[in-house]
Amino acid sequence: MKAKFLILLMMFTLNGFTQNDTKTTLFSITPRSSGSLKVNGLALGLGLNMSENNSIKSVSGLNIEINPLSIFILMFDDSSRRGFQETPTLHVNGINIGTGHSNMNEDIAYSGISISLFNAGYSCNGISINGIYNYSTKLNGLHLSLLSNDSKFANGMFVAFSNNSQQLNGIQIGVLNNSQNFKGIQIGIINKCKTQKGLQIGFWNSNNKRSMPFLNW
């Protein structure tokens, strides 16, 4: 009797673990809202987090997002109004190509190469090329954007019309460069920071010590 009870208990436990396991697949259409899935290969569709009950937990390989609504999201959505996300819920490792992401994509952590019309995510590690802007809590690596790179923590090189970071270690190159805690080099028309360990090169430069043209430290 005890043996049967133990067998039944083990079967019930194993069944519970099986139901909670995250499955792995080589290909998935996005968005997806059923099951729990890891994609090791190709994810293709409208976007990973187009719904609150997104079931894809990670993508390792190639993620392609072609969303015809991206231009409307760009026109009417402002990521900065919601502040920076504090934790990621989804990881994309490898190559990410997209027309732009919805406001529900702000908690994605990207690692590798990302090419997009615009991006709002938790982090971007590696290389990113953005047609309009990149708005992320953490930026590490090389990030090129036409309009702006905005971050809470930044390490690397940032090239855009406007570069803004609360804490920066690296190089900012743009027309307007701004950082609260700055270590590195700012190169632009107007460079601003509160605390600085480094060099400012531009038409007008200001920090907590002084404001002067052309060169500041």
N, C-alpha and C. Protein backbone atom coordinates (compact mmCIF):
# COMPACT_ATOMS: atom_id res chain seq x y z
N MET A 1 0.83 -1.20 0.00
CA MET A 1 0.00 0.00 0.00
C MET A 1 0.87 1.26 0.00
N LYS A 2 1.90 1.23 0.86
CA LYS A 2 2.81 2.37 0.92
C LYS A 2 3.55 2.56 -0.40
N ALA A 3 3.92 1.43 -1.02
CA ALA A 3 4.65 1.50 -2.29
C ALA A 3 3.77 2.13 -3.38
N LYS A 4 2.49 1.76 -3.44
CA LYS A 4 1.58 2.32 -4.43
C LYS A 4 1.40 3.82 -4.19
N PHE A 5 1.31 4.18 -2.91
CA PHE A 5 1.14 5.60 -2.57
C PHE A 5 2.35 6.42 -3.01
N LEU A 6 3.56 5.88 -2.78
CA LEU A 6 4.77 6.57 -3.18
C LEU A 6 4.88 6.70 -4.69
N ILE A 7 4.48 5.64 -5.41
CA ILE A 7 4.52 5.67 -6.88
C ILE A 7 3.57 6.74 -7.43
N LEU A 8 2.35 6.78 -6.86
CA LEU A 8 1.37 7.76 -7.29
C LEU A 8 1.85 9.19 -6.99
N LEU A 9 2.49 9.37 -5.83
CA LEU A 9 3.01 10.67 -5.45
C LEU A 9 4.10 11.12 -6.42
N MET A 10 4.98 10.20 -6.79
CA MET A 10 6.07 10.53 -7.71
C MET A 10 5.53 10.88 -9.09
N MET A 11 4.51 10.13 -9.55
CA MET A 11 3.91 10.39 -10.86
C MET A 11 3.25 11.77 -10.88
N PHE A 12 2.56 12.11 -9.80
CA PHE A 12 1.90 13.41 -9.70
C PHE A 12 2.93 14.54 -9.71
N THR A 13 4.03 14.35 -8.98
CA THR A 13 5.09 15.36 -8.91
C THR A 13 5.75 15.56 -10.26
N LEU A 14 6.09 14.45 -10.93
CA LEU A 14 6.73 14.53 -12.23
C LEU A 14 5.82 15.19 -13.26
N ASN A 15 4.53 14.88 -13.17
CA ASN A 15 3.57 15.48 -14.08
C ASN A 15 3.48 16.99 -13.88
N GLY A 16 3.57 17.42 -12.63
CA GLY A 16 3.55 18.85 -12.34
C GLY A 16 4.76 19.56 -12.91
N PHE A 17 5.97 18.93 -12.77
CA PHE A 17 7.17 19.51 -13.33
C PHE A 17 7.09 19.59 -14.85
N THR A 18 6.52 18.55 -15.48
CA THR A 18 6.42 18.52 -16.93
C THR A 18 5.54 19.65 -17.45
N GLN A 19 4.44 19.92 -16.75
CA GLN A 19 3.54 20.96 -17.18
C GLN A 19 4.16 22.34 -17.04
N ASN A 20 5.08 22.50 -16.08
CA ASN A 20 5.70 23.79 -15.84
C ASN A 20 6.96 24.00 -16.65
N ASP A 21 7.45 22.95 -17.33
CA ASP A 21 8.68 23.06 -18.10
C ASP A 21 8.49 24.01 -19.28
N THR A 22 9.56 24.75 -19.59
CA THR A 22 9.57 25.61 -20.77
C THR A 22 10.09 24.81 -21.95
N LYS A 23 9.31 24.73 -23.01
CA LYS A 23 9.69 23.98 -24.19
C LYS A 23 10.68 24.77 -25.03
N THR A 24 11.46 24.05 -25.83
CA THR A 24 12.45 24.66 -26.72
C THR A 24 12.10 24.31 -28.16
N THR A 25 12.19 25.31 -29.04
CA THR A 25 11.88 25.09 -30.44
C THR A 25 12.87 25.83 -31.32
N LEU A 26 12.99 25.38 -32.57
CA LEU A 26 13.88 26.04 -33.53
C LEU A 26 13.21 27.20 -34.24
N PHE A 27 11.86 27.24 -34.23
CA PHE A 27 11.15 28.28 -34.97
C PHE A 27 9.84 28.62 -34.27
N SER A 28 9.51 29.92 -34.28
CA SER A 28 8.22 30.33 -33.73
C SER A 28 7.74 31.60 -34.42
N ILE A 29 6.43 31.64 -34.66
CA ILE A 29 5.79 32.86 -35.11
C ILE A 29 5.51 33.74 -33.89
N THR A 30 5.67 35.05 -34.04
CA THR A 30 5.38 35.97 -32.95
C THR A 30 4.26 36.92 -33.37
N PRO A 31 3.42 37.35 -32.42
CA PRO A 31 3.46 37.01 -30.99
C PRO A 31 2.90 35.64 -30.71
N ARG A 32 3.14 35.14 -29.52
CA ARG A 32 2.66 33.84 -29.09
C ARG A 32 2.16 33.97 -27.66
N SER A 33 1.01 33.38 -27.36
CA SER A 33 0.41 33.57 -26.04
C SER A 33 0.03 32.27 -25.35
N SER A 34 0.48 31.13 -25.86
CA SER A 34 0.15 29.86 -25.22
C SER A 34 1.42 29.07 -24.94
N GLY A 35 1.45 28.42 -23.78
CA GLY A 35 2.62 27.64 -23.40
C GLY A 35 3.76 28.54 -22.95
N SER A 36 4.89 27.93 -22.66
CA SER A 36 6.11 28.64 -22.28
C SER A 36 7.22 28.16 -23.21
N LEU A 37 7.88 29.09 -23.92
CA LEU A 37 8.71 28.70 -25.04
C LEU A 37 10.05 29.43 -25.04
N LYS A 38 11.11 28.66 -25.38
CA LYS A 38 12.42 29.23 -25.69
C LYS A 38 12.70 28.93 -27.16
N VAL A 39 13.11 29.96 -27.90
CA VAL A 39 13.39 29.79 -29.32
C VAL A 39 14.90 29.79 -29.52
N ASN A 40 15.44 28.67 -29.97
CA ASN A 40 16.85 28.58 -30.32
C ASN A 40 16.93 28.42 -31.83
N GLY A 41 16.84 29.54 -32.53
CA GLY A 41 16.80 29.49 -33.98
C GLY A 41 16.22 30.78 -34.54
N LEU A 42 14.97 30.72 -35.03
CA LEU A 42 14.35 31.85 -35.69
C LEU A 42 12.99 32.19 -35.07
N ALA A 43 12.81 33.46 -34.70
CA ALA A 43 11.51 33.99 -34.29
C ALA A 43 11.11 35.03 -35.32
N LEU A 44 9.91 34.89 -35.89
CA LEU A 44 9.48 35.73 -37.00
C LEU A 44 8.04 36.16 -36.80
N GLY A 45 7.77 37.47 -36.98
CA GLY A 45 6.38 37.91 -36.87
C GLY A 45 6.25 39.38 -36.54
N LEU A 46 5.15 39.71 -35.87
CA LEU A 46 4.82 41.10 -35.55
C LEU A 46 5.61 41.64 -34.37
N GLY A 47 6.05 40.76 -33.46
CA GLY A 47 6.79 41.22 -32.29
C GLY A 47 6.68 40.26 -31.14
N LEU A 48 7.66 40.24 -30.28
CA LEU A 48 7.70 39.29 -29.17
C LEU A 48 6.68 39.61 -28.10
N ASN A 49 6.58 40.87 -27.75
CA ASN A 49 5.71 41.26 -26.63
C ASN A 49 4.54 42.11 -27.11
N MET A 50 3.79 41.59 -28.07
CA MET A 50 2.63 42.33 -28.55
C MET A 50 1.40 42.10 -27.69
N SER A 51 1.53 41.26 -26.67
CA SER A 51 0.42 41.03 -25.74
C SER A 51 0.99 40.82 -24.35
N GLU A 52 0.20 41.10 -23.31
CA GLU A 52 0.67 40.99 -21.94
C GLU A 52 0.92 39.55 -21.52
N ASN A 53 0.25 38.59 -22.15
CA ASN A 53 0.44 37.18 -21.80
C ASN A 53 1.40 36.49 -22.75
N ASN A 54 2.43 37.21 -23.17
CA ASN A 54 3.44 36.64 -24.05
C ASN A 54 4.08 35.41 -23.43
N SER A 55 4.24 34.34 -24.21
CA SER A 55 4.75 33.09 -23.67
C SER A 55 6.20 32.81 -24.04
N ILE A 56 6.78 33.60 -24.96
CA ILE A 56 8.18 33.39 -25.34
C ILE A 56 9.08 34.02 -24.28
N LYS A 57 9.97 33.20 -23.73
CA LYS A 57 10.83 33.66 -22.64
C LYS A 57 12.20 34.09 -23.12
N SER A 58 12.67 33.54 -24.24
CA SER A 58 13.97 33.93 -24.76
C SER A 58 14.08 33.54 -26.23
N VAL A 59 14.93 34.28 -26.95
CA VAL A 59 15.26 33.96 -28.33
C VAL A 59 16.78 33.97 -28.46
N SER A 60 17.33 32.88 -28.94
CA SER A 60 18.77 32.79 -29.20
C SER A 60 18.95 32.43 -30.67
N GLY A 61 19.45 33.39 -31.44
CA GLY A 61 19.57 33.17 -32.87
C GLY A 61 19.19 34.42 -33.64
N LEU A 62 18.07 34.36 -34.37
CA LEU A 62 17.62 35.47 -35.21
C LEU A 62 16.18 35.83 -34.89
N ASN A 63 15.96 37.09 -34.53
CA ASN A 63 14.61 37.60 -34.27
C ASN A 63 14.28 38.67 -35.29
N ILE A 64 13.19 38.45 -36.06
CA ILE A 64 12.77 39.40 -37.09
C ILE A 64 11.35 39.85 -36.77
N GLU A 65 11.19 41.17 -36.61
CA GLU A 65 9.89 41.73 -36.30
C GLU A 65 9.50 42.75 -37.38
N ILE A 66 8.47 42.46 -38.13
CA ILE A 66 7.96 43.36 -39.16
C ILE A 66 6.54 43.76 -38.75
N ASN A 67 6.44 44.94 -38.17
CA ASN A 67 5.16 45.40 -37.62
C ASN A 67 4.69 46.63 -38.39
N PRO A 68 3.59 46.51 -39.17
CA PRO A 68 3.10 47.66 -39.94
C PRO A 68 2.60 48.81 -39.06
N LEU A 69 2.37 48.54 -37.77
CA LEU A 69 1.89 49.58 -36.86
C LEU A 69 3.03 50.37 -36.22
N SER A 70 4.26 50.03 -36.55
CA SER A 70 5.41 50.68 -35.91
C SER A 70 5.42 52.18 -36.10
N ILE A 71 5.04 52.65 -37.28
CA ILE A 71 5.07 54.08 -37.55
C ILE A 71 4.05 54.81 -36.68
N PHE A 72 2.91 54.18 -36.39
CA PHE A 72 1.90 54.81 -35.53
C PHE A 72 2.35 54.79 -34.07
N ILE A 73 3.03 53.70 -33.66
CA ILE A 73 3.59 53.64 -32.31
C ILE A 73 4.63 54.75 -32.14
N LEU A 74 5.44 54.95 -33.16
CA LEU A 74 6.47 55.98 -33.12
C LEU A 74 5.86 57.37 -33.00
N MET A 75 4.74 57.59 -33.68
CA MET A 75 4.11 58.91 -33.70
C MET A 75 3.41 59.26 -32.39
N PHE A 76 2.81 58.25 -31.74
CA PHE A 76 1.92 58.56 -30.60
C PHE A 76 2.45 58.05 -29.26
N ASP A 77 3.53 57.28 -29.25
CA ASP A 77 4.02 56.71 -28.01
C ASP A 77 5.31 57.39 -27.58
N ASP A 78 5.45 57.66 -26.29
CA ASP A 78 6.65 58.29 -25.75
C ASP A 78 7.17 57.45 -24.59
N SER A 79 8.27 56.72 -24.83
CA SER A 79 8.81 55.83 -23.80
C SER A 79 9.27 56.57 -22.57
N SER A 80 9.78 57.80 -22.73
CA SER A 80 10.35 58.52 -21.61
C SER A 80 9.31 58.87 -20.55
N ARG A 81 8.03 58.89 -20.92
CA ARG A 81 7.00 59.21 -19.94
C ARG A 81 6.84 58.12 -18.89
N ARG A 82 7.27 56.90 -19.22
CA ARG A 82 7.12 55.79 -18.28
C ARG A 82 8.39 55.51 -17.49
N GLY A 83 9.46 56.20 -17.78
CA GLY A 83 10.71 55.98 -17.07
C GLY A 83 11.41 54.72 -17.54
N PHE A 84 12.53 54.40 -16.89
CA PHE A 84 13.33 53.24 -17.26
C PHE A 84 12.86 51.99 -16.53
N GLN A 85 12.83 50.86 -17.24
CA GLN A 85 12.45 49.59 -16.63
C GLN A 85 13.58 49.09 -15.72
N GLU A 86 13.23 48.41 -14.65
CA GLU A 86 14.21 47.99 -13.66
C GLU A 86 14.65 46.53 -13.81
N THR A 87 13.84 45.69 -14.45
CA THR A 87 14.19 44.28 -14.61
C THR A 87 13.74 43.79 -15.99
N PRO A 88 14.51 42.89 -16.60
CA PRO A 88 14.09 42.30 -17.87
C PRO A 88 13.24 41.05 -17.65
N THR A 89 12.33 40.80 -18.57
CA THR A 89 11.52 39.58 -18.51
C THR A 89 11.73 38.69 -19.71
N LEU A 90 12.46 39.18 -20.72
CA LEU A 90 12.67 38.41 -21.94
C LEU A 90 14.05 38.74 -22.49
N HIS A 91 14.78 37.73 -22.97
CA HIS A 91 16.13 37.93 -23.49
C HIS A 91 16.20 37.54 -24.96
N VAL A 92 16.84 38.40 -25.74
CA VAL A 92 17.08 38.12 -27.15
C VAL A 92 18.59 38.15 -27.37
N ASN A 93 19.16 37.00 -27.75
CA ASN A 93 20.60 36.88 -27.94
C ASN A 93 20.90 36.51 -29.39
N GLY A 94 21.72 37.33 -30.06
CA GLY A 94 22.06 37.05 -31.44
C GLY A 94 21.82 38.27 -32.31
N ILE A 95 20.96 38.11 -33.32
CA ILE A 95 20.67 39.20 -34.26
C ILE A 95 19.20 39.55 -34.17
N ASN A 96 18.94 40.83 -33.97
CA ASN A 96 17.57 41.33 -33.89
C ASN A 96 17.35 42.36 -34.99
N ILE A 97 16.33 42.14 -35.83
CA ILE A 97 16.00 43.06 -36.92
C ILE A 97 14.52 43.40 -36.82
N GLY A 98 14.20 44.69 -36.75
CA GLY A 98 12.79 45.05 -36.58
C GLY A 98 12.46 46.42 -37.12
N THR A 99 11.19 46.62 -37.39
CA THR A 99 10.72 47.94 -37.81
C THR A 99 10.54 48.86 -36.62
N GLY A 100 10.47 48.32 -35.43
CA GLY A 100 10.25 49.09 -34.21
C GLY A 100 9.39 48.29 -33.27
N HIS A 101 9.45 48.62 -31.99
CA HIS A 101 8.84 47.77 -30.99
C HIS A 101 7.70 48.49 -30.28
N SER A 102 6.74 47.71 -29.82
CA SER A 102 5.61 48.27 -29.09
C SER A 102 6.03 48.67 -27.69
N ASN A 103 5.16 49.40 -26.99
CA ASN A 103 5.51 49.84 -25.64
C ASN A 103 5.58 48.69 -24.65
N MET A 104 5.12 47.49 -25.05
CA MET A 104 5.24 46.33 -24.18
C MET A 104 6.60 45.64 -24.32
N ASN A 105 7.44 46.13 -25.21
CA ASN A 105 8.76 45.54 -25.41
C ASN A 105 9.83 46.20 -24.54
N GLU A 106 9.44 47.06 -23.62
CA GLU A 106 10.42 47.82 -22.87
C GLU A 106 11.21 46.99 -21.86
N ASP A 107 10.77 45.75 -21.59
CA ASP A 107 11.48 44.93 -20.61
C ASP A 107 12.31 43.84 -21.27
N ILE A 108 12.66 44.00 -22.56
CA ILE A 108 13.48 43.02 -23.26
C ILE A 108 14.96 43.40 -23.15
N ALA A 109 15.80 42.39 -22.91
CA ALA A 109 17.24 42.57 -22.87
C ALA A 109 17.84 42.00 -24.17
N TYR A 110 18.48 42.87 -24.96
CA TYR A 110 19.07 42.48 -26.23
C TYR A 110 20.58 42.32 -26.06
N SER A 111 21.13 41.26 -26.65
CA SER A 111 22.58 41.05 -26.66
C SER A 111 22.98 40.58 -28.05
N GLY A 112 23.93 41.29 -28.65
CA GLY A 112 24.38 40.94 -29.99
C GLY A 112 24.31 42.14 -30.91
N ILE A 113 23.62 41.97 -32.04
CA ILE A 113 23.46 43.03 -33.02
C ILE A 113 21.98 43.32 -33.19
N SER A 114 21.61 44.58 -33.06
CA SER A 114 20.21 44.98 -33.18
C SER A 114 20.08 46.10 -34.21
N ILE A 115 19.19 45.91 -35.18
CA ILE A 115 18.93 46.90 -36.22
C ILE A 115 17.43 47.18 -36.22
N SER A 116 17.06 48.44 -35.99
CA SER A 116 15.64 48.74 -35.84
C SER A 116 15.36 50.18 -36.20
N LEU A 117 14.09 50.45 -36.56
CA LEU A 117 13.66 51.82 -36.78
C LEU A 117 13.76 52.61 -35.50
N PHE A 118 13.32 52.03 -34.40
CA PHE A 118 13.48 52.62 -33.07
C PHE A 118 13.41 51.48 -32.05
N ASN A 119 13.92 51.73 -30.86
CA ASN A 119 13.96 50.68 -29.86
C ASN A 119 13.70 51.25 -28.47
N ALA A 120 12.87 50.55 -27.70
CA ALA A 120 12.68 50.86 -26.29
C ALA A 120 12.77 49.54 -25.54
N GLY A 121 13.85 49.33 -24.82
CA GLY A 121 14.06 48.05 -24.15
C GLY A 121 14.71 48.23 -22.79
N TYR A 122 14.89 47.11 -22.08
CA TYR A 122 15.57 47.17 -20.80
C TYR A 122 17.07 47.39 -20.99
N SER A 123 17.67 46.61 -21.90
CA SER A 123 19.10 46.77 -22.13
C SER A 123 19.44 46.39 -23.56
N CYS A 124 20.59 46.88 -24.01
CA CYS A 124 21.10 46.57 -25.34
C CYS A 124 22.61 46.43 -25.22
N ASN A 125 23.10 45.20 -25.35
CA ASN A 125 24.53 44.92 -25.20
C ASN A 125 25.10 44.48 -26.54
N GLY A 126 26.11 45.20 -27.01
CA GLY A 126 26.72 44.85 -28.29
C GLY A 126 26.69 46.03 -29.23
N ILE A 127 26.05 45.86 -30.39
CA ILE A 127 25.95 46.90 -31.40
C ILE A 127 24.49 47.12 -31.76
N SER A 128 24.06 48.37 -31.75
CA SER A 128 22.70 48.69 -32.19
C SER A 128 22.75 49.84 -33.19
N ILE A 129 21.91 49.70 -34.22
CA ILE A 129 21.74 50.74 -35.24
C ILE A 129 20.26 51.05 -35.29
N ASN A 130 19.90 52.30 -34.98
CA ASN A 130 18.50 52.68 -34.86
C ASN A 130 18.20 53.87 -35.76
N GLY A 131 17.14 53.73 -36.57
CA GLY A 131 16.79 54.80 -37.49
C GLY A 131 16.37 56.07 -36.79
N ILE A 132 15.72 55.96 -35.61
CA ILE A 132 15.24 57.15 -34.90
C ILE A 132 15.90 57.27 -33.53
N TYR A 133 15.59 56.34 -32.60
CA TYR A 133 16.13 56.48 -31.25
C TYR A 133 16.30 55.11 -30.59
N ASN A 134 17.09 55.11 -29.52
CA ASN A 134 17.27 53.95 -28.65
C ASN A 134 17.07 54.41 -27.22
N TYR A 135 16.05 53.86 -26.55
CA TYR A 135 15.72 54.25 -25.18
C TYR A 135 15.79 52.99 -24.31
N SER A 136 16.85 52.87 -23.50
CA SER A 136 17.07 51.65 -22.72
C SER A 136 17.63 51.99 -21.35
N THR A 137 17.30 51.15 -20.38
CA THR A 137 17.85 51.35 -19.04
C THR A 137 19.37 51.22 -19.06
N LYS A 138 19.86 50.18 -19.77
CA LYS A 138 21.30 49.93 -19.85
C LYS A 138 21.73 49.81 -21.30
N LEU A 139 22.79 50.54 -21.67
CA LEU A 139 23.38 50.45 -23.00
C LEU A 139 24.87 50.15 -22.83
N ASN A 140 25.32 49.06 -23.45
CA ASN A 140 26.72 48.67 -23.39
C ASN A 140 27.20 48.32 -24.79
N GLY A 141 28.26 49.01 -25.26
CA GLY A 141 28.80 48.71 -26.58
C GLY A 141 28.77 49.92 -27.48
N LEU A 142 28.48 49.69 -28.76
CA LEU A 142 28.41 50.75 -29.77
C LEU A 142 26.96 50.94 -30.19
N HIS A 143 26.45 52.18 -30.07
CA HIS A 143 25.04 52.46 -30.35
C HIS A 143 24.93 53.70 -31.22
N LEU A 144 24.35 53.50 -32.41
CA LEU A 144 24.20 54.55 -33.40
C LEU A 144 22.72 54.81 -33.62
N SER A 145 22.29 56.06 -33.43
CA SER A 145 20.90 56.44 -33.63
C SER A 145 20.84 57.79 -34.32
N LEU A 146 19.86 57.95 -35.19
CA LEU A 146 19.74 59.22 -35.91
C LEU A 146 19.37 60.35 -34.96
N LEU A 147 18.37 60.12 -34.10
CA LEU A 147 17.87 61.19 -33.23
C LEU A 147 18.52 61.17 -31.85
N SER A 148 18.38 60.04 -31.10
CA SER A 148 18.87 60.07 -29.72
C SER A 148 19.20 58.68 -29.19
N ASN A 149 20.14 58.67 -28.27
CA ASN A 149 20.42 57.53 -27.40
C ASN A 149 20.13 57.98 -25.97
N ASP A 150 19.17 57.34 -25.31
CA ASP A 150 18.80 57.71 -23.95
C ASP A 150 18.95 56.50 -23.04
N SER A 151 19.61 56.67 -21.90
CA SER A 151 19.85 55.53 -21.01
C SER A 151 20.02 56.00 -19.58
N LYS A 152 19.88 55.04 -18.67
CA LYS A 152 20.15 55.29 -17.26
C LYS A 152 21.61 54.97 -16.96
N PHE A 153 22.10 53.83 -17.48
CA PHE A 153 23.50 53.43 -17.33
C PHE A 153 24.05 53.15 -18.71
N ALA A 154 25.24 53.69 -19.02
CA ALA A 154 25.80 53.53 -20.35
C ALA A 154 27.31 53.30 -20.27
N ASN A 155 27.78 52.33 -21.08
CA ASN A 155 29.21 52.05 -21.19
C ASN A 155 29.53 51.78 -22.65
N GLY A 156 30.44 52.59 -23.24
CA GLY A 156 30.82 52.36 -24.62
C GLY A 156 30.85 53.64 -25.42
N MET A 157 30.46 53.53 -26.71
CA MET A 157 30.44 54.68 -27.61
C MET A 157 29.02 54.92 -28.10
N PHE A 158 28.60 56.20 -28.10
CA PHE A 158 27.23 56.56 -28.44
C PHE A 158 27.26 57.72 -29.43
N VAL A 159 26.65 57.48 -30.58
CA VAL A 159 26.64 58.47 -31.66
C VAL A 159 25.20 58.76 -32.04
N ALA A 160 24.77 60.02 -31.93
CA ALA A 160 23.42 60.43 -32.28
C ALA A 160 23.36 61.96 -32.28
N PHE A 161 22.26 62.50 -32.78
CA PHE A 161 22.06 63.95 -32.68
C PHE A 161 22.10 64.37 -31.21
N SER A 162 21.43 63.58 -30.34
CA SER A 162 21.39 63.86 -28.91
C SER A 162 21.69 62.60 -28.13
N ASN A 163 22.64 62.67 -27.21
CA ASN A 163 22.99 61.55 -26.33
C ASN A 163 22.73 61.96 -24.89
N ASN A 164 21.94 61.16 -24.18
CA ASN A 164 21.60 61.49 -22.79
C ASN A 164 21.75 60.25 -21.93
N SER A 165 22.44 60.41 -20.80
CA SER A 165 22.62 59.29 -19.88
C SER A 165 22.78 59.81 -18.46
N GLN A 166 22.20 59.09 -17.51
CA GLN A 166 22.38 59.47 -16.11
C GLN A 166 23.79 59.13 -15.64
N GLN A 167 24.29 57.97 -16.03
CA GLN A 167 25.64 57.56 -15.65
C GLN A 167 26.35 56.98 -16.86
N LEU A 168 27.45 57.60 -17.26
CA LEU A 168 28.13 57.22 -18.51
C LEU A 168 29.61 56.98 -18.29
N ASN A 169 30.10 55.88 -18.86
CA ASN A 169 31.53 55.60 -18.98
C ASN A 169 31.82 55.34 -20.45
N GLY A 170 32.50 56.28 -21.12
CA GLY A 170 32.77 56.06 -22.53
C GLY A 170 32.84 57.34 -23.32
N ILE A 171 32.27 57.31 -24.54
CA ILE A 171 32.37 58.43 -25.47
C ILE A 171 30.97 58.77 -25.99
N GLN A 172 30.63 60.04 -25.94
CA GLN A 172 29.42 60.56 -26.56
C GLN A 172 29.82 61.46 -27.73
N ILE A 173 29.24 61.20 -28.91
CA ILE A 173 29.49 62.02 -30.09
C ILE A 173 28.15 62.46 -30.66
N GLY A 174 27.89 63.75 -30.69
CA GLY A 174 26.62 64.25 -31.20
C GLY A 174 26.57 65.76 -31.17
N VAL A 175 25.45 66.31 -31.58
CA VAL A 175 25.26 67.75 -31.51
C VAL A 175 25.05 68.16 -30.06
N LEU A 176 24.21 67.41 -29.33
CA LEU A 176 23.94 67.67 -27.92
C LEU A 176 24.32 66.43 -27.11
N ASN A 177 25.18 66.60 -26.13
CA ASN A 177 25.58 65.51 -25.24
C ASN A 177 25.33 65.92 -23.80
N ASN A 178 24.69 65.02 -23.06
CA ASN A 178 24.33 65.36 -21.69
C ASN A 178 24.48 64.13 -20.80
N SER A 179 25.06 64.30 -19.63
CA SER A 179 25.20 63.21 -18.67
C SER A 179 25.30 63.79 -17.27
N GLN A 180 24.74 63.07 -16.29
CA GLN A 180 24.84 63.53 -14.91
C GLN A 180 26.20 63.14 -14.32
N ASN A 181 26.52 61.86 -14.32
CA ASN A 181 27.83 61.38 -13.84
C ASN A 181 28.60 60.83 -15.04
N PHE A 182 29.69 61.49 -15.36
CA PHE A 182 30.35 61.25 -16.64
C PHE A 182 31.83 60.93 -16.46
N LYS A 183 32.27 59.84 -17.11
CA LYS A 183 33.69 59.49 -17.18
C LYS A 183 34.01 59.16 -18.63
N GLY A 184 34.84 59.99 -19.27
CA GLY A 184 35.17 59.72 -20.65
C GLY A 184 35.34 60.98 -21.46
N ILE A 185 34.79 60.98 -22.69
CA ILE A 185 34.95 62.09 -23.62
C ILE A 185 33.60 62.44 -24.23
N GLN A 186 33.27 63.72 -24.24
CA GLN A 186 32.11 64.24 -24.95
C GLN A 186 32.60 65.09 -26.13
N ILE A 187 32.09 64.78 -27.32
CA ILE A 187 32.45 65.53 -28.53
C ILE A 187 31.16 65.99 -29.19
N GLY A 188 30.94 67.31 -29.26
CA GLY A 188 29.71 67.81 -29.84
C GLY A 188 29.69 69.32 -29.94
N ILE A 189 28.52 69.86 -30.27
CA ILE A 189 28.35 71.32 -30.30
C ILE A 189 28.15 71.84 -28.87
N ILE A 190 27.23 71.19 -28.13
CA ILE A 190 26.99 71.53 -26.73
C ILE A 190 27.16 70.29 -25.88
N ASN A 191 28.04 70.36 -24.90
CA ASN A 191 28.32 69.25 -23.98
C ASN A 191 28.00 69.68 -22.55
N LYS A 192 27.22 68.87 -21.84
CA LYS A 192 26.83 69.20 -20.47
C LYS A 192 26.98 67.98 -19.58
N CYS A 193 27.42 68.19 -18.35
CA CYS A 193 27.44 67.14 -17.34
C CYS A 193 27.53 67.78 -15.97
N LYS A 194 27.13 67.04 -14.95
CA LYS A 194 27.19 67.56 -13.58
C LYS A 194 28.53 67.22 -12.94
N THR A 195 28.88 65.95 -12.92
CA THR A 195 30.19 65.54 -12.40
C THR A 195 30.97 64.89 -13.52
N GLN A 196 32.22 65.26 -13.67
CA GLN A 196 33.00 64.83 -14.83
C GLN A 196 34.39 64.36 -14.44
N LYS A 197 34.81 63.27 -15.06
CA LYS A 197 36.19 62.82 -15.06
C LYS A 197 36.54 62.50 -16.50
N GLY A 198 37.06 63.49 -17.19
CA GLY A 198 37.34 63.30 -18.61
C GLY A 198 37.48 64.60 -19.33
N LEU A 199 37.03 64.62 -20.58
CA LEU A 199 37.28 65.76 -21.46
C LEU A 199 36.02 66.08 -22.26
N GLN A 200 35.75 67.37 -22.41
CA GLN A 200 34.67 67.87 -23.25
C GLN A 200 35.27 68.68 -24.39
N ILE A 201 34.87 68.35 -25.62
CA ILE A 201 35.35 69.05 -26.81
C ILE A 201 34.13 69.53 -27.59
N GLY A 202 33.94 70.85 -27.71
CA GLY A 202 32.78 71.34 -28.42
C GLY A 202 32.71 72.86 -28.42
N PHE A 203 31.66 73.39 -29.07
CA PHE A 203 31.49 74.84 -29.13
C PHE A 203 31.23 75.42 -27.75
N TRP A 204 30.43 74.72 -26.92
CA TRP A 204 30.21 75.16 -25.54
C TRP A 204 30.17 73.94 -24.63
N ASN A 205 30.95 74.00 -23.53
CA ASN A 205 31.08 72.88 -22.62
C ASN A 205 30.83 73.34 -21.19
N SER A 206 30.09 72.55 -20.43
CA SER A 206 29.83 72.94 -19.04
C SER A 206 29.81 71.71 -18.15
N ASN A 207 30.38 71.87 -16.95
CA ASN A 207 30.32 70.83 -15.92
C ASN A 207 30.19 71.51 -14.56
N ASN A 208 30.36 70.75 -13.49
CA ASN A 208 30.17 71.31 -12.14
C ASN A 208 31.28 72.28 -11.75
N LYS A 209 32.38 72.29 -12.50
CA LYS A 209 33.51 73.16 -12.17
C LYS A 209 33.50 74.48 -12.95
N ARG A 210 33.18 74.37 -14.26
CA ARG A 210 33.29 75.56 -15.10
C ARG A 210 32.50 75.37 -16.38
N SER A 211 32.30 76.50 -17.08
CA SER A 211 31.70 76.48 -18.42
C SER A 211 32.61 77.29 -19.34
N MET A 212 32.98 76.70 -20.48
CA MET A 212 33.89 77.39 -21.38
C MET A 212 33.78 76.79 -22.78
N PRO A 213 34.19 77.55 -23.80
CA PRO A 213 34.12 77.06 -25.17
C PRO A 213 35.29 76.14 -25.53
N PHE A 214 35.08 75.35 -26.54
CA PHE A 214 36.09 74.55 -27.22
C PHE A 214 36.63 73.37 -26.39
N LEU A 215 37.09 73.61 -25.18
CA LEU A 215 37.71 72.53 -24.41
C LEU A 215 37.43 72.70 -22.93
N ASN A 216 37.06 71.60 -22.28
CA ASN A 216 36.78 71.66 -20.84
C ASN A 216 37.16 70.32 -20.21
N TRP A 217 37.44 70.34 -18.90
CA TRP A 217 37.88 69.13 -18.22
C TRP A 217 37.45 69.16 -16.75
